[in-house]
Amino acid sequence: MIEINKNYNENCLETMKRMEDNFVDLTVTSPPYDNLRTYKGFTWDFESVAKELYRVTKQGGVVVWIVGDATVKGSETGTSFKQALYFKEIGFNLHDTMIWLKSNPTPRDPKSLRYYDAFEYMFIFSKGKPKTCNYIKEKSKTAGRNFGSAPMRRQDGSNRDDRTEKLKNTKVKEYKIKSNVWEYPIGSGITKDKISFKHPAIFPEKLAEDHILSWSNEGDTILDPMAGSGTTLKMAKKNNRNYIGIEISPEYIDIINKRLSIEENK
């Protein structure tokens, strides 16, 4: 039996196999991909992990899968897309393909003949229709202005004159729902928990928090099956969600527990 608000130091398949069906409301995770980071010599079975995630996710639950691709012999691997298609094959909906835009990307070697690598994919998989969607809003840059008179069109290309006329006299609200491109920095500004930087591949706390706020409610159970430095778990705790963390490296489990302890004592 699996306890909530606990971290498990083992292979995530071992832990998830002990979970009941339909156990988790939301998963937010960034798995190791394409050997872009060496991970203490550990390997993982993607297909088995994906199947277990489907089984333990509640109907209406969501999996946020944050990944990128390596470039091997001049070509990107496309592993991220292969994984997304496999998630669909086993029953998940590909609810949205979101982008994490890095506001301060690491410069590339000009000899690579590529532009800076400035984003990662955030695939949003849902088991059926998502039961929760708490939109995050941002201030509109054109608040107070009219929408304008650009013609609205139907799928067949014909004008929607009624819709165009209505929008022409409608003012842009002060706040709008964010797009599916979310911008966050990388580097030292993503957390105040300096201990987390002992892990080689942490992602921004705000990124994890925004997904937790979007796809879950207070009291829900949040899973990170490859918890790394524990960012998802910390943000779940901060926002009054239950958490389950799984991390195979004992060294990283120690980082997670220290970060959670800091959060608890604030």
C-alpha atoms as a PDB file:
ATOM      1  CA  MET A   1       0.000   0.000   0.000  1.00  0.00           C
ATOM      2  CA  ILE A   2       1.272   3.460  -0.872  1.00  0.00           C
ATOM      3  CA  GLU A   3       1.185   6.356   1.587  1.00  0.00           C
ATOM      4  CA  ILE A   4       0.687   9.944   0.468  1.00  0.00           C
ATOM      5  CA  ASN A   5       3.043  12.774   1.452  1.00  0.00           C
ATOM      6  CA  LYS A   6       5.972  10.419   1.327  1.00  0.00           C
ATOM      7  CA  ASN A   7       9.063   9.895  -0.851  1.00  0.00           C
ATOM      8  CA  TYR A   8      10.075   6.455  -2.065  1.00  0.00           C
ATOM      9  CA  ASN A   9      13.695   5.639  -2.831  1.00  0.00           C
ATOM     10  CA  GLU A  10      13.281   2.960  -5.496  1.00  0.00           C
ATOM     11  CA  ASN A  11      12.528   2.347  -9.154  1.00  0.00           C
ATOM     12  CA  CYS A  12       9.274   4.136  -9.947  1.00  0.00           C
ATOM     13  CA  LEU A  13       7.787   0.971 -11.457  1.00  0.00           C
ATOM     14  CA  GLU A  14       8.133  -0.769  -8.083  1.00  0.00           C
ATOM     15  CA  THR A  15       6.210   2.013  -6.358  1.00  0.00           C
ATOM     16  CA  MET A  16       3.494   2.478  -8.962  1.00  0.00           C
ATOM     17  CA  LYS A  17       2.792  -1.255  -9.097  1.00  0.00           C
ATOM     18  CA  ARG A  18       1.749  -1.000  -5.434  1.00  0.00           C
ATOM     19  CA  MET A  19      -0.702   1.809  -6.177  1.00  0.00           C
ATOM     20  CA  GLU A  20      -4.392   1.141  -6.664  1.00  0.00           C
ATOM     21  CA  ASP A  21      -5.998   1.899 -10.011  1.00  0.00           C
ATOM     22  CA  ASN A  22      -7.154   5.522 -10.432  1.00  0.00           C
ATOM     23  CA  PHE A  23      -5.040   6.749  -7.519  1.00  0.00           C
ATOM     24  CA  VAL A  24      -3.412   9.980  -8.727  1.00  0.00           C
ATOM     25  CA  ASP A  25      -4.991  13.279  -9.806  1.00  0.00           C
ATOM     26  CA  LEU A  26      -1.969  14.840 -11.499  1.00  0.00           C
ATOM     27  CA  THR A  27       1.567  13.877 -12.473  1.00  0.00           C
ATOM     28  CA  VAL A  28       4.159  16.560 -13.183  1.00  0.00           C
ATOM     29  CA  THR A  29       7.533  15.157 -14.182  1.00  0.00           C
ATOM     30  CA  SER A  30      10.573  15.676 -16.361  1.00  0.00           C
ATOM     31  CA  PRO A  31      12.144  12.299 -17.137  1.00  0.00           C
ATOM     32  CA  PRO A  32      15.762  11.837 -18.212  1.00  0.00           C
ATOM     33  CA  TYR A  33      15.771  11.818 -21.996  1.00  0.00           C
ATOM     34  CA  ASP A  34      18.170  10.784 -24.735  1.00  0.00           C
ATOM     35  CA  ASN A  35      21.110  10.622 -22.309  1.00  0.00           C
ATOM     36  CA  LEU A  36      21.295  14.411 -22.233  1.00  0.00           C
ATOM     37  CA  ARG A  37      22.113  13.946 -18.563  1.00  0.00           C
ATOM     38  CA  THR A  38      23.887  10.954 -17.087  1.00  0.00           C
ATOM     39  CA  TYR A  39      21.696   9.765 -14.254  1.00  0.00           C
ATOM     40  CA  LYS A  40      23.870   7.906 -11.762  1.00  0.00           C
ATOM     41  CA  GLY A  41      24.100   4.975 -14.156  1.00  0.00           C
ATOM     42  CA  PHE A  42      20.380   4.193 -13.882  1.00  0.00           C
ATOM     43  CA  THR A  43      18.194   3.332 -16.871  1.00  0.00           C
ATOM     44  CA  TRP A  44      14.412   3.279 -17.158  1.00  0.00           C
ATOM     45  CA  ASP A  45      11.723   1.478 -19.147  1.00  0.00           C
ATOM     46  CA  PHE A  46       9.640   4.223 -20.784  1.00  0.00           C
ATOM     47  CA  GLU A  47       6.819   2.048 -22.101  1.00  0.00           C
ATOM     48  CA  SER A  48       6.243   0.314 -18.766  1.00  0.00           C
ATOM     49  CA  VAL A  49       6.277   3.663 -16.941  1.00  0.00           C
ATOM     50  CA  ALA A  50       3.744   5.122 -19.390  1.00  0.00           C
ATOM     51  CA  LYS A  51       1.399   2.146 -18.931  1.00  0.00           C
ATOM     52  CA  GLU A  52       1.587   2.376 -15.155  1.00  0.00           C
ATOM     53  CA  LEU A  53       0.898   6.118 -15.313  1.00  0.00           C
ATOM     54  CA  TYR A  54      -2.249   5.418 -17.303  1.00  0.00           C
ATOM     55  CA  ARG A  55      -3.421   2.818 -14.797  1.00  0.00           C
ATOM     56  CA  VAL A  56      -2.830   4.910 -11.660  1.00  0.00           C
ATOM     57  CA  THR A  57      -4.205   8.174 -13.117  1.00  0.00           C
ATOM     58  CA  LYS A  58      -7.804   8.940 -12.177  1.00  0.00           C
ATOM     59  CA  GLN A  59     -10.422   9.432 -14.866  1.00  0.00           C
ATOM     60  CA  GLY A  60     -10.113  13.104 -15.753  1.00  0.00           C
ATOM     61  CA  GLY A  61      -6.577  13.210 -14.377  1.00  0.00           C
ATOM     62  CA  VAL A  62      -3.604  14.741 -16.171  1.00  0.00           C
ATOM     63  CA  VAL A  63       0.049  13.881 -16.807  1.00  0.00           C
ATOM     64  CA  VAL A  64       2.429  16.778 -17.555  1.00  0.00           C
ATOM     65  CA  TRP A  65       5.456  15.326 -19.392  1.00  0.00           C
ATOM     66  CA  ILE A  66       8.335  17.806 -19.804  1.00  0.00           C
ATOM     67  CA  VAL A  67      10.890  16.617 -22.366  1.00  0.00           C
ATOM     68  CA  GLY A  68      13.301  17.629 -25.098  1.00  0.00           C
ATOM     69  CA  ASP A  69      15.426  15.906 -27.726  1.00  0.00           C
ATOM     70  CA  ALA A  70      19.124  15.331 -28.128  1.00  0.00           C
ATOM     71  CA  THR A  71      20.947  15.970 -31.377  1.00  0.00           C
ATOM     72  CA  VAL A  72      22.861  12.898 -32.542  1.00  0.00           C
ATOM     73  CA  LYS A  73      25.080  12.975 -35.622  1.00  0.00           C
ATOM     74  CA  GLY A  74      23.485  16.193 -36.811  1.00  0.00           C
ATOM     75  CA  SER A  75      19.842  15.126 -36.375  1.00  0.00           C
ATOM     76  CA  GLU A  76      17.399  15.560 -33.502  1.00  0.00           C
ATOM     77  CA  THR A  77      16.201  12.223 -32.165  1.00  0.00           C
ATOM     78  CA  GLY A  78      12.462  12.973 -32.122  1.00  0.00           C
ATOM     79  CA  THR A  79      12.125  10.905 -28.945  1.00  0.00           C
ATOM     80  CA  SER A  80       9.695  13.425 -27.454  1.00  0.00           C
ATOM     81  CA  PHE A  81       7.231  12.918 -30.334  1.00  0.00           C
ATOM     82  CA  LYS A  82       7.624   9.137 -30.216  1.00  0.00           C
ATOM     83  CA  GLN A  83       6.763   9.210 -26.520  1.00  0.00           C
ATOM     84  CA  ALA A  84       3.740  11.452 -27.113  1.00  0.00           C
ATOM     85  CA  LEU A  85       2.402   9.080 -29.755  1.00  0.00           C
ATOM     86  CA  TYR A  86       2.896   6.116 -27.426  1.00  0.00           C
ATOM     87  CA  PHE A  87       0.937   7.848 -24.660  1.00  0.00           C
ATOM     88  CA  LYS A  88      -1.918   8.242 -27.164  1.00  0.00           C
ATOM     89  CA  GLU A  89      -1.609   4.625 -28.242  1.00  0.00           C
ATOM     90  CA  ILE A  90      -2.183   3.344 -24.691  1.00  0.00           C
ATOM     91  CA  GLY A  91      -5.268   5.485 -24.097  1.00  0.00           C
ATOM     92  CA  PHE A  92      -4.275   9.004 -23.080  1.00  0.00           C
ATOM     93  CA  ASN A  93      -5.540  12.060 -24.924  1.00  0.00           C
ATOM     94  CA  LEU A  94      -2.879  14.493 -26.072  1.00  0.00           C
ATOM     95  CA  HIS A  95      -4.785  17.366 -24.529  1.00  0.00           C
ATOM     96  CA  ASP A  96      -2.249  20.077 -25.352  1.00  0.00           C
ATOM     97  CA  THR A  97       1.301  20.504 -26.593  1.00  0.00           C
ATOM     98  CA  MET A  98       2.765  23.323 -24.547  1.00  0.00           C
ATOM     99  CA  ILE A  99       6.160  24.990 -24.741  1.00  0.00           C
ATOM    100  CA  TRP A 100       8.515  25.977 -21.948  1.00  0.00           C
ATOM    101  CA  LEU A 101      10.315  28.979 -23.434  1.00  0.00           C
ATOM    102  CA  LYS A 102      13.620  29.623 -21.683  1.00  0.00           C
ATOM    103  CA  SER A 103      14.142  33.360 -21.319  1.00  0.00           C
ATOM    104  CA  ASN A 104      17.932  32.985 -20.970  1.00  0.00           C
ATOM    105  CA  PRO A 105      18.968  29.990 -23.108  1.00  0.00           C
ATOM    106  CA  THR A 106      22.518  28.713 -23.164  1.00  0.00           C
ATOM    107  CA  PRO A 107      24.296  29.900 -26.347  1.00  0.00           C
ATOM    108  CA  ARG A 108      25.155  27.287 -28.954  1.00  0.00           C
ATOM    109  CA  ASP A 109      28.495  26.851 -30.631  1.00  0.00           C
ATOM    110  CA  PRO A 110      28.139  28.739 -33.951  1.00  0.00           C
ATOM    111  CA  LYS A 111      29.719  25.766 -35.682  1.00  0.00           C
ATOM    112  CA  SER A 112      26.609  23.715 -34.872  1.00  0.00           C
ATOM    113  CA  LEU A 113      24.699  25.597 -37.624  1.00  0.00           C
ATOM    114  CA  ARG A 114      21.643  25.776 -35.341  1.00  0.00           C
ATOM    115  CA  TYR A 115      19.815  28.527 -33.497  1.00  0.00           C
ATOM    116  CA  TYR A 116      19.912  28.581 -29.696  1.00  0.00           C
ATOM    117  CA  ASP A 117      17.967  25.777 -28.075  1.00  0.00           C
ATOM    118  CA  ALA A 118      15.424  27.870 -26.165  1.00  0.00           C
ATOM    119  CA  PHE A 119      12.516  25.544 -25.355  1.00  0.00           C
ATOM    120  CA  GLU A 120      11.292  22.177 -24.134  1.00  0.00           C
ATOM    121  CA  TYR A 121       7.986  20.446 -24.776  1.00  0.00           C
ATOM    122  CA  MET A 122       5.372  20.180 -22.040  1.00  0.00           C
ATOM    123  CA  PHE A 123       2.955  17.519 -23.249  1.00  0.00           C
ATOM    124  CA  ILE A 124      -0.373  17.538 -21.406  1.00  0.00           C
ATOM    125  CA  PHE A 125      -1.917  14.069 -21.447  1.00  0.00           C
ATOM    126  CA  SER A 126      -5.378  13.507 -20.002  1.00  0.00           C
ATOM    127  CA  LYS A 127      -7.314  10.364 -19.139  1.00  0.00           C
ATOM    128  CA  GLY A 128     -10.543  11.428 -20.776  1.00  0.00           C
ATOM    129  CA  LYS A 129     -11.621  15.045 -20.452  1.00  0.00           C
ATOM    130  CA  PRO A 130      -9.620  16.894 -17.755  1.00  0.00           C
ATOM    131  CA  LYS A 131     -11.717  17.230 -14.625  1.00  0.00           C
ATOM    132  CA  THR A 132      -9.883  20.397 -13.568  1.00  0.00           C
ATOM    133  CA  CYS A 133      -8.713  23.444 -15.494  1.00  0.00           C
ATOM    134  CA  ASN A 134      -7.990  26.537 -13.418  1.00  0.00           C
ATOM    135  CA  TYR A 135      -6.807  28.984 -16.053  1.00  0.00           C
ATOM    136  CA  ILE A 136      -3.793  31.091 -15.220  1.00  0.00           C
ATOM    137  CA  LYS A 137      -4.239  34.644 -16.435  1.00  0.00           C
ATOM    138  CA  GLU A 138      -1.839  37.421 -17.272  1.00  0.00           C
ATOM    139  CA  LYS A 139      -2.218  41.142 -17.831  1.00  0.00           C
ATOM    140  CA  SER A 140      -3.147  41.999 -21.391  1.00  0.00           C
ATOM    141  CA  LYS A 141      -0.811  44.365 -23.221  1.00  0.00           C
ATOM    142  CA  THR A 142      -3.770  45.808 -25.175  1.00  0.00           C
ATOM    143  CA  ALA A 143      -6.221  46.172 -22.257  1.00  0.00           C
ATOM    144  CA  GLY A 144      -8.912  48.780 -22.907  1.00  0.00           C
ATOM    145  CA  ARG A 145      -8.526  48.814 -26.680  1.00  0.00           C
ATOM    146  CA  ASN A 146     -11.134  47.542 -29.120  1.00  0.00           C
ATOM    147  CA  PHE A 147     -10.501  44.158 -30.687  1.00  0.00           C
ATOM    148  CA  GLY A 148     -10.522  45.785 -34.128  1.00  0.00           C
ATOM    149  CA  SER A 149     -12.353  44.958 -37.293  1.00  0.00           C
ATOM    150  CA  ALA A 150     -10.350  42.110 -38.846  1.00  0.00           C
ATOM    151  CA  PRO A 151     -12.972  39.776 -40.350  1.00  0.00           C
ATOM    152  CA  MET A 152     -13.806  36.533 -38.544  1.00  0.00           C
ATOM    153  CA  ARG A 153     -14.193  33.543 -40.837  1.00  0.00           C
ATOM    154  CA  ARG A 154     -15.883  30.155 -40.796  1.00  0.00           C
ATOM    155  CA  GLN A 155     -14.031  26.939 -41.584  1.00  0.00           C
ATOM    156  CA  ASP A 156     -15.096  27.199 -45.218  1.00  0.00           C
ATOM    157  CA  GLY A 157     -13.522  30.676 -45.455  1.00  0.00           C
ATOM    158  CA  SER A 158     -16.763  32.680 -45.529  1.00  0.00           C
ATOM    159  CA  ASN A 159     -17.058  35.812 -43.392  1.00  0.00           C
ATOM    160  CA  ARG A 160     -18.716  35.823 -39.980  1.00  0.00           C
ATOM    161  CA  ASP A 161     -20.024  39.388 -40.262  1.00  0.00           C
ATOM    162  CA  ASP A 162     -22.106  39.093 -37.093  1.00  0.00           C
ATOM    163  CA  ARG A 163     -19.091  38.018 -35.062  1.00  0.00           C
ATOM    164  CA  THR A 164     -16.821  40.627 -36.629  1.00  0.00           C
ATOM    165  CA  GLU A 165     -19.259  43.441 -35.820  1.00  0.00           C
ATOM    166  CA  LYS A 166     -19.635  42.278 -32.227  1.00  0.00           C
ATOM    167  CA  LEU A 167     -15.879  42.093 -31.627  1.00  0.00           C
ATOM    168  CA  LYS A 168     -15.257  45.466 -33.286  1.00  0.00           C
ATOM    169  CA  ASN A 169     -17.120  47.144 -30.418  1.00  0.00           C
ATOM    170  CA  THR A 170     -15.713  44.933 -27.640  1.00  0.00           C
ATOM    171  CA  LYS A 171     -12.837  46.134 -25.493  1.00  0.00           C
ATOM    172  CA  VAL A 172      -9.932  43.927 -24.513  1.00  0.00           C
ATOM    173  CA  LYS A 173     -10.153  42.974 -20.824  1.00  0.00           C
ATOM    174  CA  GLU A 174      -7.391  43.776 -18.349  1.00  0.00           C
ATOM    175  CA  TYR A 175      -6.474  40.095 -17.881  1.00  0.00           C
ATOM    176  CA  LYS A 176      -6.465  37.285 -20.401  1.00  0.00           C
ATOM    177  CA  ILE A 177      -5.890  33.546 -20.278  1.00  0.00           C
ATOM    178  CA  LYS A 178      -2.241  32.715 -20.936  1.00  0.00           C
ATOM    179  CA  SER A 179      -1.212  31.058 -24.167  1.00  0.00           C
ATOM    180  CA  ASN A 180       0.276  27.567 -24.195  1.00  0.00           C
ATOM    181  CA  VAL A 181       3.811  29.014 -24.407  1.00  0.00           C
ATOM    182  CA  TRP A 182       5.074  29.670 -20.864  1.00  0.00           C
ATOM    183  CA  GLU A 183       8.288  31.580 -20.310  1.00  0.00           C
ATOM    184  CA  TYR A 184      10.625  30.901 -17.389  1.00  0.00           C
ATOM    185  CA  PRO A 185      14.347  31.429 -16.837  1.00  0.00           C
ATOM    186  CA  ILE A 186      16.940  28.746 -16.255  1.00  0.00           C
ATOM    187  CA  GLY A 187      19.904  28.971 -13.919  1.00  0.00           C
ATOM    188  CA  SER A 188      20.295  30.308 -10.402  1.00  0.00           C
ATOM    189  CA  GLY A 189      17.082  32.368 -10.327  1.00  0.00           C
ATOM    190  CA  ILE A 190      14.631  29.457 -10.455  1.00  0.00           C
ATOM    191  CA  THR A 191      14.721  28.635  -6.722  1.00  0.00           C
ATOM    192  CA  LYS A 192      16.139  29.927  -3.453  1.00  0.00           C
ATOM    193  CA  ASP A 193      16.903  26.370  -2.310  1.00  0.00           C
ATOM    194  CA  LYS A 194      20.549  26.284  -3.319  1.00  0.00           C
ATOM    195  CA  ILE A 195      20.823  22.661  -2.249  1.00  0.00           C
ATOM    196  CA  SER A 196      18.673  21.734  -5.253  1.00  0.00           C
ATOM    197  CA  PHE A 197      21.539  22.612  -7.601  1.00  0.00           C
ATOM    198  CA  LYS A 198      23.327  19.441  -6.517  1.00  0.00           C
ATOM    199  CA  HIS A 199      20.942  17.824  -8.998  1.00  0.00           C
ATOM    200  CA  PRO A 200      22.071  18.324 -12.637  1.00  0.00           C
ATOM    201  CA  ALA A 201      18.687  18.999 -14.255  1.00  0.00           C
ATOM    202  CA  ILE A 202      16.206  20.978 -12.156  1.00  0.00           C
ATOM    203  CA  PHE A 203      13.319  22.931 -13.625  1.00  0.00           C
ATOM    204  CA  PRO A 204      11.782  26.192 -12.372  1.00  0.00           C
ATOM    205  CA  GLU A 205       9.560  26.103  -9.310  1.00  0.00           C
ATOM    206  CA  LYS A 206       7.097  28.464 -11.012  1.00  0.00           C
ATOM    207  CA  LEU A 207       6.753  26.060 -13.939  1.00  0.00           C
ATOM    208  CA  ALA A 208       5.779  23.200 -11.628  1.00  0.00           C
ATOM    209  CA  GLU A 209       3.539  25.465  -9.556  1.00  0.00           C
ATOM    210  CA  ASP A 210       1.652  26.798 -12.579  1.00  0.00           C
ATOM    211  CA  HIS A 211       0.867  23.281 -13.781  1.00  0.00           C
ATOM    212  CA  ILE A 212      -0.203  22.197 -10.297  1.00  0.00           C
ATOM    213  CA  LEU A 213      -2.520  25.198  -9.989  1.00  0.00           C
ATOM    214  CA  SER A 214      -3.885  24.634 -13.505  1.00  0.00           C
ATOM    215  CA  TRP A 215      -4.692  20.912 -13.409  1.00  0.00           C
ATOM    216  CA  SER A 216      -5.461  20.169  -9.740  1.00  0.00           C
ATOM    217  CA  ASN A 217      -7.295  21.459  -6.672  1.00  0.00           C
ATOM    218  CA  GLU A 218      -6.374  21.611  -2.991  1.00  0.00           C
ATOM    219  CA  GLY A 219      -6.362  18.146  -1.447  1.00  0.00           C
ATOM    220  CA  ASP A 220      -5.586  16.381  -4.736  1.00  0.00           C
ATOM    221  CA  THR A 221      -2.710  13.918  -4.986  1.00  0.00           C
ATOM    222  CA  ILE A 222       0.293  14.933  -7.109  1.00  0.00           C
ATOM    223  CA  LEU A 223       2.843  12.395  -8.316  1.00  0.00           C
ATOM    224  CA  ASP A 224       6.375  12.811  -9.587  1.00  0.00           C
ATOM    225  CA  PRO A 225       7.705   9.336 -10.481  1.00  0.00           C
ATOM    226  CA  MET A 226      11.189  10.667 -11.296  1.00  0.00           C
ATOM    227  CA  ALA A 227      11.318  13.349  -8.656  1.00  0.00           C
ATOM    228  CA  GLY A 228      14.913  14.524  -9.099  1.00  0.00           C
ATOM    229  CA  SER A 229      15.460  17.463  -6.756  1.00  0.00           C
ATOM    230  CA  GLY A 230      11.809  17.458  -5.624  1.00  0.00           C
ATOM    231  CA  THR A 231      10.533  20.651  -7.262  1.00  0.00           C
ATOM    232  CA  THR A 232       7.078  19.210  -8.056  1.00  0.00           C
ATOM    233  CA  LEU A 233       6.725  17.859  -4.523  1.00  0.00           C
ATOM    234  CA  LYS A 234       7.744  21.140  -2.928  1.00  0.00           C
ATOM    235  CA  MET A 235       5.221  23.085  -5.005  1.00  0.00           C
ATOM    236  CA  ALA A 236       2.497  20.535  -4.257  1.00  0.00           C
ATOM    237  CA  LYS A 237       3.125  20.946  -0.538  1.00  0.00           C
ATOM    238  CA  LYS A 238       3.237  24.738  -0.817  1.00  0.00           C
ATOM    239  CA  ASN A 239      -0.165  24.764  -2.541  1.00  0.00           C
ATOM    240  CA  ASN A 240      -1.951  22.382  -0.144  1.00  0.00           C
ATOM    241  CA  ARG A 241      -1.850  19.305  -2.336  1.00  0.00           C
ATOM    242  CA  ASN A 242      -0.822  15.819  -1.285  1.00  0.00           C
ATOM    243  CA  TYR A 243       2.284  14.423  -2.956  1.00  0.00           C
ATOM    244  CA  ILE A 244       3.994  11.155  -3.767  1.00  0.00           C
ATOM    245  CA  GLY A 245       7.627  11.332  -4.775  1.00  0.00           C
ATOM    246  CA  ILE A 246       9.681   8.524  -6.282  1.00  0.00           C
ATOM    247  CA  GLU A 247      13.404   8.846  -6.838  1.00  0.00           C
ATOM    248  CA  ILE A 248      15.854   6.029  -7.447  1.00  0.00           C
ATOM    249  CA  SER A 249      18.981   7.912  -6.329  1.00  0.00           C
ATOM    250  CA  PRO A 250      19.540   8.031  -2.524  1.00  0.00           C
ATOM    251  CA  GLU A 251      21.569  11.214  -2.961  1.00  0.00           C
ATOM    252  CA  TYR A 252      18.641  13.012  -4.569  1.00  0.00           C
ATOM    253  CA  ILE A 253      16.157  11.714  -1.993  1.00  0.00           C
ATOM    254  CA  ASP A 254      18.247  13.537   0.608  1.00  0.00           C
ATOM    255  CA  ILE A 255      17.950  16.771  -1.420  1.00  0.00           C
ATOM    256  CA  ILE A 256      14.170  16.317  -1.708  1.00  0.00           C
ATOM    257  CA  ASN A 257      13.705  15.779   2.025  1.00  0.00           C
ATOM    258  CA  LYS A 258      15.782  18.842   2.881  1.00  0.00           C
ATOM    259  CA  ARG A 259      13.782  21.021   0.463  1.00  0.00           C
ATOM    260  CA  LEU A 260      10.472  19.764   1.842  1.00  0.00           C
ATOM    261  CA  SER A 261      11.703  20.405   5.379  1.00  0.00           C
ATOM    262  CA  ILE A 262      12.584  23.994   4.440  1.00  0.00           C
ATOM    263  CA  GLU A 263       9.117  24.486   2.933  1.00  0.00           C
ATOM    264  CA  GLU A 264       7.417  23.008   6.005  1.00  0.00           C
ATOM    265  CA  ASN A 265       9.280  25.325   8.374  1.00  0.00           C
ATOM    266  CA  LYS A 266       8.488  28.548   6.542  1.00  0.00           C
END
